[in-house]
Amino acid sequence: MPSTSRPAALTAGILALAVVLTGCATTQVAGQASPAGPPITDVAPADFPITGAAETEADVTSRNALADLVDYWTQVFPEVYGEDFAPLTGGYFSVDPGDVDPSAYPDGEIGCGADPADVEQNAFYCPPDTGEATADSISYDRDFLQELGDTYGRFLPALIMAHEFGHAVQGRVGYPADDTSINVETQADCFAGAWTRWVADGNSSHETIRAPELDDLLAGYSIVRDPPGTGVDDSRAHGSYFDRVSAIQDGYDGGAAACRDNYGSDRVFTQSEFLSDQDLANDGNAPPAETARLVQTALPIYFEDSFPEDLGTDFSAPTIEPFDGDAPGCLAPDAAVGFCADDDTVYYDATDLAGPAYTEIGDYAVLTAVAIPYGLAARAQLGLSTDDQDAIRSATCQAGAFSGAALYGEVVRGEDGIQLSPGDFDEAVTFLLTYGTDPTVFPEVGLSGFQLVDVFRQGFLYGLTSCGLEA
């Protein structure tokens, strides 16, 4: 999150366990499993063979998901692409890389003629044009999927199957944007999101997911993001955390037709390379004092410039005031952040909110935390509500609009301003999922982290005028 006069980048901060998925080195953030509801019925192994399956929980989940994916695409493919869906011809392969029995696989090989050990901590689709007998197939490391399910709930392995099945769809209709990696991968994420919505709506025969579990699902998907600093033109780019989550929500909201139409060469991505050696050396984080200064300066610049241009009215910047542990009397005693209309001030807890958010997520989490009550102050100036669901949706959308303007270098005034760096949008997503249901940060108005990320995305894509600010 560099200022225009003092560059310093951002990146997500809760990092652990390096893993590989669909060919991309990634990092994993800590999470807690919230198991999805039990499947409606399990698919019998004889009805859906998976070569090498040991009937572990991961195998059962994968088989259930794959059977439902076949049903989904058999139904949807003709509607979206005007022809019948052709089943995969190369089959499905389950591997425990730590205990491989080569005799369990044809000629000792899995998809694309690979050695079974090659799928360790991975899942992949082998396209139909490789010339291998096991082309047009899906292979996966069941121990890896089990680890993900144990951490983030049983639906995350199903979502990974849906992503790989999305590549199978591409193998039948072609790849977007001249086979550009980031477009290909995020379109497969979009297909996975469209299927997830179909499951959530109760259309599947085997898998289930409940709305509250979508937060854990998005949290788990952080493991498949590209490392901050990866360029969009990288031949193995899969997308930032925000890019991939945005693609899932694109499919969830718009269905497979949106995935077909929205992944051309004009698709907007937040992923980028670091702006400077200093960005990289700082591991993407501005110092805390600089972060606090940017909180004070960047938000007023954006709103004072954007209100007249987008809404036709002037904006009077509220005061931004940090406090240390004890909330001011105009807020609830346990509040960590909020807007007080009586003194037109946005307050935030520098000790118990900004400090942990900075340390555990990154500096852009701090700015996101303050941007949301700042959006409530903007609503108050327009005579709009500040304490209901519409207000929180609108304020979070405004935070997304601000972030989009900052990404494009539009939040600048003279020598002052802000320019976002790799990982910033990822930090915003992580903040919304981490704190979105925390009543000391967000009022209890019935919004999930998944929904907050979706309206943040809306603001990023469509700007301030999409944020419900009409008086």
Foldseek 3Di string as FASTA:
>chain_A
DQKLQGDAFKAWFQWDDWFDEQHATFTAGAFAADAFDAWLDFDDCVVAPAQPDPPDLLVRLLSQLVVQLLVVCQVCVCVQPVDGDDAQQQGHYEDALVDDDLVSDVVSAAALRHHRNVQVRYKAAAAPPSPDSNHRYIYHYSVNLVVLCRRLYNCLSSLSSQLRVLVSVCSVVNAAANPQQQLRNLLSLLSSLLSLLCQDVPNGNTDHGDPQSVLSNLSSCNRHAHGAFDASRPSNHHAHSLSNLQSSVQCNVPNNNSSVPARHPPHDGLGHHFPDVNNVVSVRADPPVVLVVCLQQQLCLVQQVCCCVPVVDGDDQFAEEEDAQADDPQDDRLAQWAARPVRRYTYGHCHPPQVCLCNNTRSLLNSLLRQLRSQLSVLVVLVHDCAAPLNSLLSLLQSLQSLLCQCVVNRDDVSTYHHHGTNNVVSSLVSLSVCVCPCSRHPPHPDHSSSSSNSSVVCNVPNNVVRPSDD
